[in-house]
Amino acid sequence: MTLLNNIITDPAPSAPKGIIYGPPGVGKTSFGASVSDSLIIDCENGAGSIKCSRTPYLASWEQILGWLRAIEQEDHPYKVIAIDTIDWLLRRIEEHVSGCAGGKTDSTLNRSHGGYGNGKQVLKNYVYQILLPVLDRIVARGIAVLLLAHAKRTEITDIDGITVEKTTPELPDGYLNVMVEWSDFVCLARIDSQDHRYLTTRETPRALAKNRYHLPESLPFEWNAFSEGITQGLSKAFNPKS
């Protein structure tokens, strides 16, 4: 047998993984909590007023990683985890790497691990070698991963070298691209003038968004509509004549 015998020719969609982001109060946590068999990974201490299954407030990277590994390795009923929020999770990793957690505010990434910016490289190692692999192993178990995030305005340079300002997930500098590339979807949650909540699923001149599921440009900000959109999109992609 050679490696060429392992070539894959049939579609093999995995559990969804991606980012849902938006302004405060749009309902990101409620969206994650509305899914049956979901678990909120509470990194922000903002899910206490919502009826849902959630972890205790996780104030350190060690606590967060412990819960992620439990979801990855142990038997449980959860089919979806919603990390609330990915920007706060990354802050916890930064605190862990810099040693500034627990009131040690004099430490920074530039000064930690020997200085000369070594702490920033260690932070990248945690994201690339620990965080993303454990999330991938969770997805491999058939568990969807929602990364909830806040929104901010960001200057983005496109492939033609033109710099524009867009609404994007609020992530630390240097991590927006990798998290977007890792995700199957990046959707912006908004509220229109009629107080209707909706998801933008495709890139616009004003907002960063994408999806690999052939979703319509806009969907109601409801799990059933989102899930059904994924199912229909994959069906059309894999069975174009049906």
Protein backbone atom coordinates (compact mmCIF):
# COMPACT_ATOMS: atom_id res chain seq x y z
CA MET A 1 0.00 0.00 0.00
CA THR A 2 1.23 3.50 -0.85
CA LEU A 3 0.16 6.91 0.36
CA LEU A 4 -1.70 7.40 -2.93
CA ASN A 5 -4.20 4.75 -1.83
CA ASN A 6 -5.32 7.16 0.89
CA ILE A 7 -6.53 9.87 -1.49
CA ILE A 8 -10.04 11.03 -0.51
CA THR A 9 -12.52 11.69 -3.31
CA ASP A 10 -15.87 11.83 -1.51
CA PRO A 11 -17.15 14.82 0.47
CA ALA A 12 -16.77 14.40 4.24
CA PRO A 13 -18.28 17.38 6.07
CA SER A 14 -17.37 17.68 9.74
CA ALA A 15 -19.23 19.24 12.62
CA PRO A 16 -19.48 23.02 12.11
CA LYS A 17 -16.78 25.23 13.61
CA GLY A 18 -16.60 28.98 13.40
CA ILE A 19 -17.16 32.46 14.77
CA ILE A 20 -20.38 34.26 15.63
CA TYR A 21 -19.62 37.88 16.48
CA GLY A 22 -21.50 41.08 17.11
CA PRO A 23 -22.05 44.09 19.36
CA PRO A 24 -22.98 43.81 23.05
CA GLY A 25 -26.58 42.81 23.66
CA VAL A 26 -27.24 41.33 20.24
CA GLY A 27 -27.78 37.87 21.76
CA LYS A 28 -24.59 35.93 21.09
CA THR A 29 -24.69 34.01 24.36
CA SER A 30 -28.43 33.39 24.02
CA PHE A 31 -27.80 32.02 20.52
CA GLY A 32 -25.28 29.51 21.85
CA ALA A 33 -27.53 28.61 24.76
CA SER A 34 -30.55 28.05 22.50
CA VAL A 35 -29.03 24.95 20.95
CA SER A 36 -30.24 21.66 22.39
CA ASP A 37 -27.43 19.66 24.01
CA SER A 38 -25.15 22.72 24.08
CA LEU A 39 -22.64 23.77 26.72
CA ILE A 40 -21.46 27.34 27.28
CA ILE A 41 -17.74 27.59 28.10
CA ASP A 42 -17.96 30.69 30.30
CA CYS A 43 -14.75 32.68 29.92
CA GLU A 44 -16.39 36.08 30.40
CA ASN A 45 -18.70 35.63 33.38
CA GLY A 46 -21.62 36.86 31.29
CA ALA A 47 -23.92 33.85 31.05
CA GLY A 48 -25.32 33.87 34.57
CA SER A 49 -28.65 35.45 33.61
CA ILE A 50 -29.39 32.92 30.86
CA LYS A 51 -30.99 29.54 31.43
CA CYS A 52 -28.49 27.13 29.94
CA SER A 53 -25.94 24.43 30.64
CA ARG A 54 -22.68 26.24 31.35
CA THR A 55 -19.37 25.80 33.07
CA PRO A 56 -18.48 27.79 36.16
CA TYR A 57 -16.80 31.09 35.34
CA LEU A 58 -13.35 30.12 34.08
CA ALA A 59 -10.88 32.82 35.10
CA SER A 60 -7.65 31.15 33.96
CA TRP A 61 -6.23 29.34 30.95
CA GLU A 62 -5.63 26.21 33.04
CA GLN A 63 -9.33 26.03 33.92
CA ILE A 64 -10.42 26.61 30.33
CA LEU A 65 -8.04 23.98 28.95
CA GLY A 66 -9.19 21.48 31.57
CA TRP A 67 -12.80 21.86 30.43
CA LEU A 68 -11.89 21.66 26.74
CA ARG A 69 -9.97 18.43 27.34
CA ALA A 70 -12.90 17.02 29.30
CA ILE A 71 -15.21 17.78 26.36
CA GLU A 72 -12.67 16.17 24.04
CA GLN A 73 -12.03 13.01 26.05
CA GLU A 74 -14.93 12.21 28.38
CA ASP A 75 -18.42 10.84 27.80
CA HIS A 76 -21.09 13.55 27.85
CA PRO A 77 -24.34 14.50 26.07
CA TYR A 78 -23.16 17.76 24.48
CA LYS A 79 -23.29 18.19 20.71
CA VAL A 80 -22.34 21.88 20.62
CA ILE A 81 -19.94 23.95 22.71
CA ALA A 82 -20.05 27.74 22.64
CA ILE A 83 -16.93 29.51 23.88
CA ASP A 84 -18.10 32.76 25.45
CA THR A 85 -15.99 34.52 24.30
CA ILE A 86 -12.96 33.65 22.17
CA ASP A 87 -11.46 37.12 22.74
CA TRP A 88 -11.55 36.56 26.51
CA LEU A 89 -10.14 33.04 26.10
CA LEU A 90 -7.16 34.47 24.21
CA ARG A 91 -6.69 37.05 26.95
CA ARG A 92 -6.50 34.22 29.48
CA ILE A 93 -3.76 32.57 27.42
CA GLU A 94 -1.92 35.90 27.26
CA GLU A 95 -2.17 36.28 31.04
CA HIS A 96 -0.87 32.74 31.48
CA VAL A 97 2.08 33.29 29.16
CA SER A 98 3.04 36.73 30.51
CA GLY A 99 2.53 35.78 34.15
CA CYS A 100 0.34 38.83 34.75
CA ALA A 101 -2.66 36.89 36.11
CA GLY A 102 -3.42 37.20 39.79
CA GLY A 103 -2.48 40.85 40.04
CA LYS A 104 1.02 40.61 38.52
CA THR A 105 0.34 43.56 36.27
CA ASP A 106 4.00 44.47 35.83
CA SER A 107 4.58 41.58 33.43
CA THR A 108 4.01 41.88 29.69
CA LEU A 109 4.42 39.58 26.72
CA ASN A 110 7.46 41.55 25.57
CA ARG A 111 9.20 41.17 28.94
CA SER A 112 8.27 37.56 29.67
CA HIS A 113 10.20 34.42 28.69
CA GLY A 114 13.54 36.20 28.43
CA GLY A 115 12.27 39.40 26.85
CA TYR A 116 12.86 40.51 23.25
CA GLY A 117 9.25 39.61 22.41
CA ASN A 118 9.75 35.93 23.23
CA GLY A 119 6.44 35.91 25.09
CA LYS A 120 4.58 36.70 21.88
CA GLN A 121 6.10 33.64 20.22
CA VAL A 122 5.15 31.49 23.20
CA LEU A 123 1.58 32.81 22.94
CA LYS A 124 1.51 31.78 19.27
CA ASN A 125 2.71 28.33 20.28
CA TYR A 126 -0.19 27.98 22.72
CA VAL A 127 -2.70 28.95 20.04
CA TYR A 128 -1.23 26.86 17.21
CA GLN A 129 -0.02 23.84 19.19
CA ILE A 130 -2.59 23.57 22.00
CA LEU A 131 -5.80 25.56 21.48
CA LEU A 132 -6.55 24.85 17.82
CA PRO A 133 -5.57 21.15 17.99
CA VAL A 134 -7.83 20.51 20.99
CA LEU A 135 -10.70 22.29 19.22
CA ASP A 136 -10.05 20.17 16.11
CA ARG A 137 -10.19 17.00 18.19
CA ILE A 138 -13.51 18.14 19.68
CA VAL A 139 -14.87 18.72 16.16
CA ALA A 140 -13.58 15.27 15.14
CA ARG A 141 -15.89 13.80 17.80
CA GLY A 142 -18.84 15.32 15.95
CA ILE A 143 -19.22 18.25 18.36
CA ALA A 144 -19.81 21.68 16.82
CA VAL A 145 -17.67 24.56 18.09
CA LEU A 146 -19.06 28.10 18.23
CA LEU A 147 -16.56 30.83 19.02
CA LEU A 148 -18.57 33.81 20.25
CA ALA A 149 -16.80 37.15 19.89
CA HIS A 150 -17.29 40.87 20.29
CA ALA A 151 -17.08 43.19 17.27
CA LYS A 152 -14.75 46.07 16.47
CA ARG A 153 -13.66 48.22 13.54
CA THR A 154 -10.41 47.02 11.98
CA GLU A 155 -8.19 48.24 9.15
CA ILE A 156 -7.75 45.39 6.65
CA THR A 157 -5.41 45.35 3.66
CA ASP A 158 -6.81 43.25 0.80
CA ILE A 159 -4.83 41.19 -1.70
CA ASP A 160 -4.60 44.23 -4.00
CA GLY A 161 -2.91 46.24 -1.27
CA ILE A 162 -5.93 48.45 -0.60
CA THR A 163 -6.57 49.20 3.08
CA VAL A 164 -10.18 49.52 4.19
CA GLU A 165 -11.94 49.63 7.54
CA LYS A 166 -14.40 46.84 8.32
CA THR A 167 -16.32 45.39 11.23
CA THR A 168 -14.51 42.24 12.39
CA PRO A 169 -14.35 39.93 15.40
CA GLU A 170 -12.48 41.58 18.27
CA LEU A 171 -9.33 39.46 18.54
CA PRO A 172 -5.77 40.30 19.62
CA ASP A 173 -3.46 41.65 16.93
CA GLY A 174 -2.02 38.86 14.84
CA TYR A 175 -4.78 36.32 15.53
CA LEU A 176 -7.68 37.52 13.39
CA ASN A 177 -6.44 35.87 10.21
CA VAL A 178 -5.63 32.49 11.74
CA MET A 179 -8.98 32.23 13.54
CA VAL A 180 -10.87 33.24 10.39
CA GLU A 181 -8.91 30.74 8.29
CA TRP A 182 -9.59 27.97 10.82
CA SER A 183 -13.32 28.67 10.83
CA ASP A 184 -15.90 27.17 8.48
CA PHE A 185 -18.06 30.23 9.06
CA VAL A 186 -17.62 33.77 10.35
CA CYS A 187 -20.99 35.47 10.76
CA LEU A 188 -21.86 38.94 12.02
CA ALA A 189 -24.97 39.23 14.21
CA ARG A 190 -26.90 42.48 13.83
CA ILE A 191 -30.20 44.12 14.79
CA ASP A 192 -32.08 46.05 12.08
CA SER A 193 -34.32 49.10 12.45
CA GLN A 194 -37.33 46.84 13.06
CA ASP A 195 -35.53 45.12 15.96
CA HIS A 196 -35.08 41.93 13.92
CA ARG A 197 -31.89 40.02 14.64
CA TYR A 198 -30.07 38.55 11.66
CA LEU A 199 -26.74 37.03 10.59
CA THR A 200 -24.57 38.34 7.78
CA THR A 201 -22.86 35.26 6.34
CA ARG A 202 -20.87 36.69 3.42
CA GLU A 203 -18.26 39.41 3.04
CA THR A 204 -19.56 42.94 2.49
CA PRO A 205 -17.76 46.25 1.94
CA ARG A 206 -18.40 47.04 5.62
CA ALA A 207 -18.10 43.69 7.41
CA LEU A 208 -15.90 40.60 7.50
CA ALA A 209 -17.86 37.38 7.00
CA LYS A 210 -17.55 34.05 5.23
CA ASN A 211 -18.99 30.56 5.11
CA ARG A 212 -18.20 27.23 3.48
CA TYR A 213 -21.83 26.09 3.43
CA HIS A 214 -23.32 28.11 0.54
CA LEU A 215 -25.52 29.98 3.00
CA PRO A 216 -27.72 32.85 1.83
CA GLU A 217 -26.29 36.31 2.43
CA SER A 218 -28.54 36.83 5.45
CA LEU A 219 -30.27 34.50 7.91
CA PRO A 220 -32.46 35.00 10.98
CA PHE A 221 -30.28 34.99 14.09
CA GLU A 222 -31.75 31.70 15.31
CA TRP A 223 -30.04 28.34 15.66
CA ASN A 224 -32.74 26.44 13.74
CA ALA A 225 -32.45 28.79 10.75
CA PHE A 226 -28.64 28.63 10.86
CA SER A 227 -28.54 24.84 11.16
CA GLU A 228 -31.12 24.36 8.41
CA GLY A 229 -29.18 26.73 6.17
CA ILE A 230 -26.05 24.61 6.62
CA THR A 231 -27.97 21.41 5.86
CA GLN A 232 -29.55 22.85 2.72
CA GLY A 233 -26.31 24.41 1.53
CA LEU A 234 -24.35 21.18 1.86
CA SER A 235 -27.14 19.24 0.14
CA LYS A 236 -27.01 21.58 -2.86
CA ALA A 237 -23.22 21.41 -2.99
CA PHE A 238 -23.05 17.62 -2.87
CA ASN A 239 -26.16 16.97 -4.98
CA PRO A 240 -26.29 19.87 -7.47
CA LYS A 241 -28.93 18.17 -9.66
CA SER A 242 -31.32 17.38 -6.80
